[in-house]
């Protein structure tokens, strides 16, 4: 798995600005071995990488910060969203296990996946319920604080640009990854 791919799709997570990121990657012969090597490199920085699901020879790779995810999952609104979607236990490993099972069950992403990516609960809830029109579309659909979301989108895009430029200058992913 090329470093540049991880930098491109996960820079805000590597920088500690975002809880998690997703990307797809072809499953090749040494994929599991590669994933293990990535975890050896990033775990000490507070980052985990795992496969949430596989389809048509591609893996859905989830790069996340467990501590941030635990904090996100402890929010009252997030707990409510997950319980309404059938999550019985609001513990990190159980939630990830349930998300994996839901990804297998449906052809589309379960809408609560935003809770695992650091999206504001009000936006995840708005996307699920669709009771009112979205105010802004960017990295996700915004139903709540449009100003705050716009600022985050700009911050994430700027972070990605900076990280890609630094990577092109030879800065490796370990140096780019912030330890929180």
C-alpha atoms as a PDB file:
ATOM      1  CA  UNK A   1       0.000   0.000   0.000  1.00  0.00           C
ATOM      2  CA  UNK A   2       1.721   3.175  -1.132  1.00  0.00           C
ATOM      3  CA  UNK A   3       2.436   5.799   1.523  1.00  0.00           C
ATOM      4  CA  UNK A   4       1.215   8.546  -0.786  1.00  0.00           C
ATOM      5  CA  UNK A   5      -2.224   6.920  -0.922  1.00  0.00           C
ATOM      6  CA  UNK A   6      -2.457   6.867   2.871  1.00  0.00           C
ATOM      7  CA  UNK A   7      -1.295  10.495   3.056  1.00  0.00           C
ATOM      8  CA  UNK A   8      -3.802  11.600   0.382  1.00  0.00           C
ATOM      9  CA  UNK A   9      -6.839   9.989   2.018  1.00  0.00           C
ATOM     10  CA  UNK A  10      -5.893  10.140   5.692  1.00  0.00           C
ATOM     11  CA  UNK A  11      -3.902  13.358   6.257  1.00  0.00           C
ATOM     12  CA  UNK A  12      -6.411  14.952   8.693  1.00  0.00           C
ATOM     13  CA  UNK A  13      -6.463  11.719  10.722  1.00  0.00           C
ATOM     14  CA  UNK A  14      -2.661  11.473  10.670  1.00  0.00           C
ATOM     15  CA  UNK A  15      -2.528  15.095  11.854  1.00  0.00           C
ATOM     16  CA  UNK A  16      -4.934  14.393  14.730  1.00  0.00           C
ATOM     17  CA  UNK A  17      -7.614  16.703  13.319  1.00  0.00           C
ATOM     18  CA  UNK A  18     -10.089  13.967  12.413  1.00  0.00           C
ATOM     19  CA  UNK A  19     -11.070  10.705  14.112  1.00  0.00           C
ATOM     20  CA  UNK A  20     -10.978   8.432  11.108  1.00  0.00           C
ATOM     21  CA  UNK A  21     -10.641   8.089   7.357  1.00  0.00           C
ATOM     22  CA  UNK A  22     -11.598   5.510   4.748  1.00  0.00           C
ATOM     23  CA  UNK A  23     -10.218   4.434   1.406  1.00  0.00           C
ATOM     24  CA  UNK A  24     -10.385   1.372  -0.807  1.00  0.00           C
ATOM     25  CA  UNK A  25      -7.382  -0.638  -1.859  1.00  0.00           C
ATOM     26  CA  UNK A  26      -6.980  -3.734  -4.062  1.00  0.00           C
ATOM     27  CA  UNK A  27      -6.484  -6.930  -2.104  1.00  0.00           C
ATOM     28  CA  UNK A  28      -3.228  -8.411  -3.320  1.00  0.00           C
ATOM     29  CA  UNK A  29      -1.227 -11.438  -2.261  1.00  0.00           C
ATOM     30  CA  UNK A  30       0.618  -9.784   0.641  1.00  0.00           C
ATOM     31  CA  UNK A  31      -2.209  -7.484   1.724  1.00  0.00           C
ATOM     32  CA  UNK A  32      -2.562  -8.865   5.277  1.00  0.00           C
ATOM     33  CA  UNK A  33       1.192  -8.677   5.760  1.00  0.00           C
ATOM     34  CA  UNK A  34       1.186  -5.064   4.516  1.00  0.00           C
ATOM     35  CA  UNK A  35      -1.621  -4.152   6.899  1.00  0.00           C
ATOM     36  CA  UNK A  36       0.334  -5.647   9.797  1.00  0.00           C
ATOM     37  CA  UNK A  37       3.412  -3.618   8.806  1.00  0.00           C
ATOM     38  CA  UNK A  38       1.343  -0.438   8.612  1.00  0.00           C
ATOM     39  CA  UNK A  39       0.008  -1.053  12.103  1.00  0.00           C
ATOM     40  CA  UNK A  40       3.543  -1.608  13.415  1.00  0.00           C
ATOM     41  CA  UNK A  41       4.507   1.757  11.956  1.00  0.00           C
ATOM     42  CA  UNK A  42       1.463   3.742  13.101  1.00  0.00           C
ATOM     43  CA  UNK A  43       0.241   2.163  16.348  1.00  0.00           C
ATOM     44  CA  UNK A  44       2.895   3.902  18.427  1.00  0.00           C
ATOM     45  CA  UNK A  45       1.522   7.208  17.093  1.00  0.00           C
ATOM     46  CA  UNK A  46      -1.998   6.331  18.268  1.00  0.00           C
ATOM     47  CA  UNK A  47      -3.329   5.175  14.895  1.00  0.00           C
ATOM     48  CA  UNK A  48      -4.847   1.850  13.876  1.00  0.00           C
ATOM     49  CA  UNK A  49      -5.566   0.543  10.414  1.00  0.00           C
ATOM     50  CA  UNK A  50      -8.046  -2.255   9.736  1.00  0.00           C
ATOM     51  CA  UNK A  51     -10.272  -3.651   7.034  1.00  0.00           C
ATOM     52  CA  UNK A  52     -13.969  -2.953   7.557  1.00  0.00           C
ATOM     53  CA  UNK A  53     -15.052  -5.036   4.601  1.00  0.00           C
ATOM     54  CA  UNK A  54     -14.148  -6.533   1.247  1.00  0.00           C
ATOM     55  CA  UNK A  55     -15.962  -6.392  -2.088  1.00  0.00           C
ATOM     56  CA  UNK A  56     -14.955  -7.218  -5.625  1.00  0.00           C
ATOM     57  CA  UNK A  57     -11.294  -7.702  -4.736  1.00  0.00           C
ATOM     58  CA  UNK A  58     -11.005  -4.425  -2.827  1.00  0.00           C
ATOM     59  CA  UNK A  59     -10.702  -3.755   0.868  1.00  0.00           C
ATOM     60  CA  UNK A  60     -12.380  -0.875   2.662  1.00  0.00           C
ATOM     61  CA  UNK A  61      -9.521   0.326   4.851  1.00  0.00           C
ATOM     62  CA  UNK A  62     -10.320   2.270   8.025  1.00  0.00           C
ATOM     63  CA  UNK A  63      -7.551   4.404   9.514  1.00  0.00           C
ATOM     64  CA  UNK A  64      -8.506   5.789  12.901  1.00  0.00           C
ATOM     65  CA  UNK A  65      -7.456   7.083  16.278  1.00  0.00           C
ATOM     66  CA  UNK A  66      -8.968   4.751  18.911  1.00  0.00           C
ATOM     67  CA  UNK A  67      -8.836   7.313  21.722  1.00  0.00           C
ATOM     68  CA  UNK A  68     -10.653   9.928  19.637  1.00  0.00           C
ATOM     69  CA  UNK A  69     -13.161   7.335  18.487  1.00  0.00           C
ATOM     70  CA  UNK A  70     -13.892   6.323  22.087  1.00  0.00           C
ATOM     71  CA  UNK A  71     -14.505   9.993  22.896  1.00  0.00           C
ATOM     72  CA  UNK A  72     -16.786  10.384  19.871  1.00  0.00           C
ATOM     73  CA  UNK A  73     -18.726   7.230  20.707  1.00  0.00           C
ATOM     74  CA  UNK A  74     -19.339   8.474  24.257  1.00  0.00           C
ATOM     75  CA  UNK A  75     -21.309  11.528  23.073  1.00  0.00           C
ATOM     76  CA  UNK A  76     -24.983  11.287  24.032  1.00  0.00           C
ATOM     77  CA  UNK A  77     -26.197  12.056  20.486  1.00  0.00           C
ATOM     78  CA  UNK A  78     -23.837   9.460  19.011  1.00  0.00           C
ATOM     79  CA  UNK A  79     -24.973   6.811  21.489  1.00  0.00           C
ATOM     80  CA  UNK A  80     -28.585   7.529  20.514  1.00  0.00           C
ATOM     81  CA  UNK A  81     -27.799   7.237  16.785  1.00  0.00           C
ATOM     82  CA  UNK A  82     -25.969   3.941  17.244  1.00  0.00           C
ATOM     83  CA  UNK A  83     -28.624   2.445  19.508  1.00  0.00           C
ATOM     84  CA  UNK A  84     -31.334   3.363  16.985  1.00  0.00           C
ATOM     85  CA  UNK A  85     -29.285   1.504  14.350  1.00  0.00           C
ATOM     86  CA  UNK A  86     -29.069  -1.649  16.460  1.00  0.00           C
ATOM     87  CA  UNK A  87     -25.723  -1.248  18.217  1.00  0.00           C
ATOM     88  CA  UNK A  88     -26.216  -3.095  21.487  1.00  0.00           C
ATOM     89  CA  UNK A  89     -22.931  -2.192  23.154  1.00  0.00           C
ATOM     90  CA  UNK A  90     -21.330   1.215  22.895  1.00  0.00           C
ATOM     91  CA  UNK A  91     -17.799  -0.034  23.440  1.00  0.00           C
ATOM     92  CA  UNK A  92     -15.139   0.599  20.825  1.00  0.00           C
ATOM     93  CA  UNK A  93     -14.447  -2.967  19.687  1.00  0.00           C
ATOM     94  CA  UNK A  94     -18.117  -3.982  19.768  1.00  0.00           C
ATOM     95  CA  UNK A  95     -19.116  -0.900  17.754  1.00  0.00           C
ATOM     96  CA  UNK A  96     -16.493  -1.627  15.106  1.00  0.00           C
ATOM     97  CA  UNK A  97     -17.611  -5.270  14.989  1.00  0.00           C
ATOM     98  CA  UNK A  98     -21.246  -4.174  14.534  1.00  0.00           C
ATOM     99  CA  UNK A  99     -20.248  -1.688  11.826  1.00  0.00           C
ATOM    100  CA  UNK A 100     -18.382  -4.448   9.959  1.00  0.00           C
ATOM    101  CA  UNK A 101     -21.450  -6.693  10.160  1.00  0.00           C
ATOM    102  CA  UNK A 102     -23.702  -3.899   8.902  1.00  0.00           C
ATOM    103  CA  UNK A 103     -21.336  -3.222   5.995  1.00  0.00           C
ATOM    104  CA  UNK A 104     -21.572  -6.908   5.007  1.00  0.00           C
ATOM    105  CA  UNK A 105     -25.346  -6.838   5.241  1.00  0.00           C
ATOM    106  CA  UNK A 106     -25.981  -3.799   3.009  1.00  0.00           C
ATOM    107  CA  UNK A 107     -24.768  -2.762  -0.440  1.00  0.00           C
ATOM    108  CA  UNK A 108     -24.461   0.882   0.658  1.00  0.00           C
ATOM    109  CA  UNK A 109     -22.661   2.419   3.591  1.00  0.00           C
ATOM    110  CA  UNK A 110     -24.744   2.385   6.748  1.00  0.00           C
ATOM    111  CA  UNK A 111     -25.460   6.046   7.427  1.00  0.00           C
ATOM    112  CA  UNK A 112     -24.062   5.909  10.955  1.00  0.00           C
ATOM    113  CA  UNK A 113     -20.575   5.423   9.517  1.00  0.00           C
ATOM    114  CA  UNK A 114     -20.148   9.179   9.934  1.00  0.00           C
ATOM    115  CA  UNK A 115     -19.960   8.581  13.699  1.00  0.00           C
ATOM    116  CA  UNK A 116     -16.764   6.581  13.065  1.00  0.00           C
ATOM    117  CA  UNK A 117     -15.215   9.289  10.886  1.00  0.00           C
ATOM    118  CA  UNK A 118     -15.592  12.202  13.286  1.00  0.00           C
ATOM    119  CA  UNK A 119     -18.586  13.832  11.627  1.00  0.00           C
ATOM    120  CA  UNK A 120     -20.733  15.929  13.978  1.00  0.00           C
ATOM    121  CA  UNK A 121     -23.602  13.840  15.400  1.00  0.00           C
ATOM    122  CA  UNK A 122     -26.163  16.459  14.341  1.00  0.00           C
ATOM    123  CA  UNK A 123     -25.037  16.021  10.721  1.00  0.00           C
ATOM    124  CA  UNK A 124     -25.135  12.217  10.932  1.00  0.00           C
ATOM    125  CA  UNK A 125     -28.592  12.396  12.497  1.00  0.00           C
ATOM    126  CA  UNK A 126     -29.738  14.911   9.860  1.00  0.00           C
ATOM    127  CA  UNK A 127     -28.486  12.656   7.063  1.00  0.00           C
ATOM    128  CA  UNK A 128     -30.277   9.636   8.516  1.00  0.00           C
ATOM    129  CA  UNK A 129     -33.596  11.340   9.235  1.00  0.00           C
ATOM    130  CA  UNK A 130     -33.623  13.791   6.297  1.00  0.00           C
ATOM    131  CA  UNK A 131     -36.243  15.900   8.080  1.00  0.00           C
ATOM    132  CA  UNK A 132     -34.791  19.107   6.679  1.00  0.00           C
ATOM    133  CA  UNK A 133     -32.630  19.936   3.660  1.00  0.00           C
ATOM    134  CA  UNK A 134     -28.872  19.874   4.037  1.00  0.00           C
ATOM    135  CA  UNK A 135     -27.216  23.285   4.323  1.00  0.00           C
ATOM    136  CA  UNK A 136     -23.874  22.423   2.760  1.00  0.00           C
ATOM    137  CA  UNK A 137     -22.181  19.522   1.012  1.00  0.00           C
ATOM    138  CA  UNK A 138     -18.460  18.926   1.403  1.00  0.00           C
ATOM    139  CA  UNK A 139     -16.716  15.948   2.977  1.00  0.00           C
ATOM    140  CA  UNK A 140     -20.162  15.128   4.356  1.00  0.00           C
ATOM    141  CA  UNK A 141     -23.636  16.623   4.191  1.00  0.00           C
ATOM    142  CA  UNK A 142     -24.123  19.355   6.771  1.00  0.00           C
ATOM    143  CA  UNK A 143     -27.437  19.713   8.586  1.00  0.00           C
ATOM    144  CA  UNK A 144     -26.154  21.531  11.662  1.00  0.00           C
ATOM    145  CA  UNK A 145     -23.523  24.223  12.067  1.00  0.00           C
ATOM    146  CA  UNK A 146     -22.726  25.231   8.497  1.00  0.00           C
ATOM    147  CA  UNK A 147     -20.055  27.774   9.485  1.00  0.00           C
ATOM    148  CA  UNK A 148     -18.172  25.276  11.652  1.00  0.00           C
ATOM    149  CA  UNK A 149     -18.371  22.567   8.973  1.00  0.00           C
ATOM    150  CA  UNK A 150     -17.106  24.908   6.264  1.00  0.00           C
ATOM    151  CA  UNK A 151     -14.144  25.797   8.474  1.00  0.00           C
ATOM    152  CA  UNK A 152     -13.424  22.089   9.067  1.00  0.00           C
ATOM    153  CA  UNK A 153     -13.616  21.307   5.341  1.00  0.00           C
ATOM    154  CA  UNK A 154     -11.097  24.072   4.662  1.00  0.00           C
ATOM    155  CA  UNK A 155      -8.856  22.870   7.491  1.00  0.00           C
ATOM    156  CA  UNK A 156      -8.942  19.257   6.258  1.00  0.00           C
ATOM    157  CA  UNK A 157      -8.218  20.280   2.655  1.00  0.00           C
ATOM    158  CA  UNK A 158      -5.356  22.539   3.717  1.00  0.00           C
ATOM    159  CA  UNK A 159      -3.929  19.760   5.900  1.00  0.00           C
ATOM    160  CA  UNK A 160      -4.074  17.318   2.986  1.00  0.00           C
ATOM    161  CA  UNK A 161      -2.340  19.806   0.663  1.00  0.00           C
ATOM    162  CA  UNK A 162       0.416  20.478   3.208  1.00  0.00           C
ATOM    163  CA  UNK A 163       0.921  16.792   3.964  1.00  0.00           C
ATOM    164  CA  UNK A 164       1.121  15.873   0.282  1.00  0.00           C
ATOM    165  CA  UNK A 165       3.676  18.646  -0.330  1.00  0.00           C
ATOM    166  CA  UNK A 166       5.735  17.516   2.659  1.00  0.00           C
ATOM    167  CA  UNK A 167       5.544  13.921   1.483  1.00  0.00           C
ATOM    168  CA  UNK A 168       6.725  14.954  -1.998  1.00  0.00           C
ATOM    169  CA  UNK A 169       9.707  16.651  -0.296  1.00  0.00           C
ATOM    170  CA  UNK A 170      10.662  13.335   1.279  1.00  0.00           C
ATOM    171  CA  UNK A 171       9.045  13.531   4.723  1.00  0.00           C
ATOM    172  CA  UNK A 172       7.936  10.006   5.621  1.00  0.00           C
ATOM    173  CA  UNK A 173       4.596   9.079   7.101  1.00  0.00           C
ATOM    174  CA  UNK A 174       5.981   8.493  10.595  1.00  0.00           C
ATOM    175  CA  UNK A 175       7.205  12.080  10.722  1.00  0.00           C
ATOM    176  CA  UNK A 176       3.923  13.367   9.329  1.00  0.00           C
ATOM    177  CA  UNK A 177       1.848  11.478  11.900  1.00  0.00           C
ATOM    178  CA  UNK A 178       1.177  13.402  15.096  1.00  0.00           C
ATOM    179  CA  UNK A 179       1.290  11.421  18.331  1.00  0.00           C
ATOM    180  CA  UNK A 180      -1.638  12.367  20.539  1.00  0.00           C
END
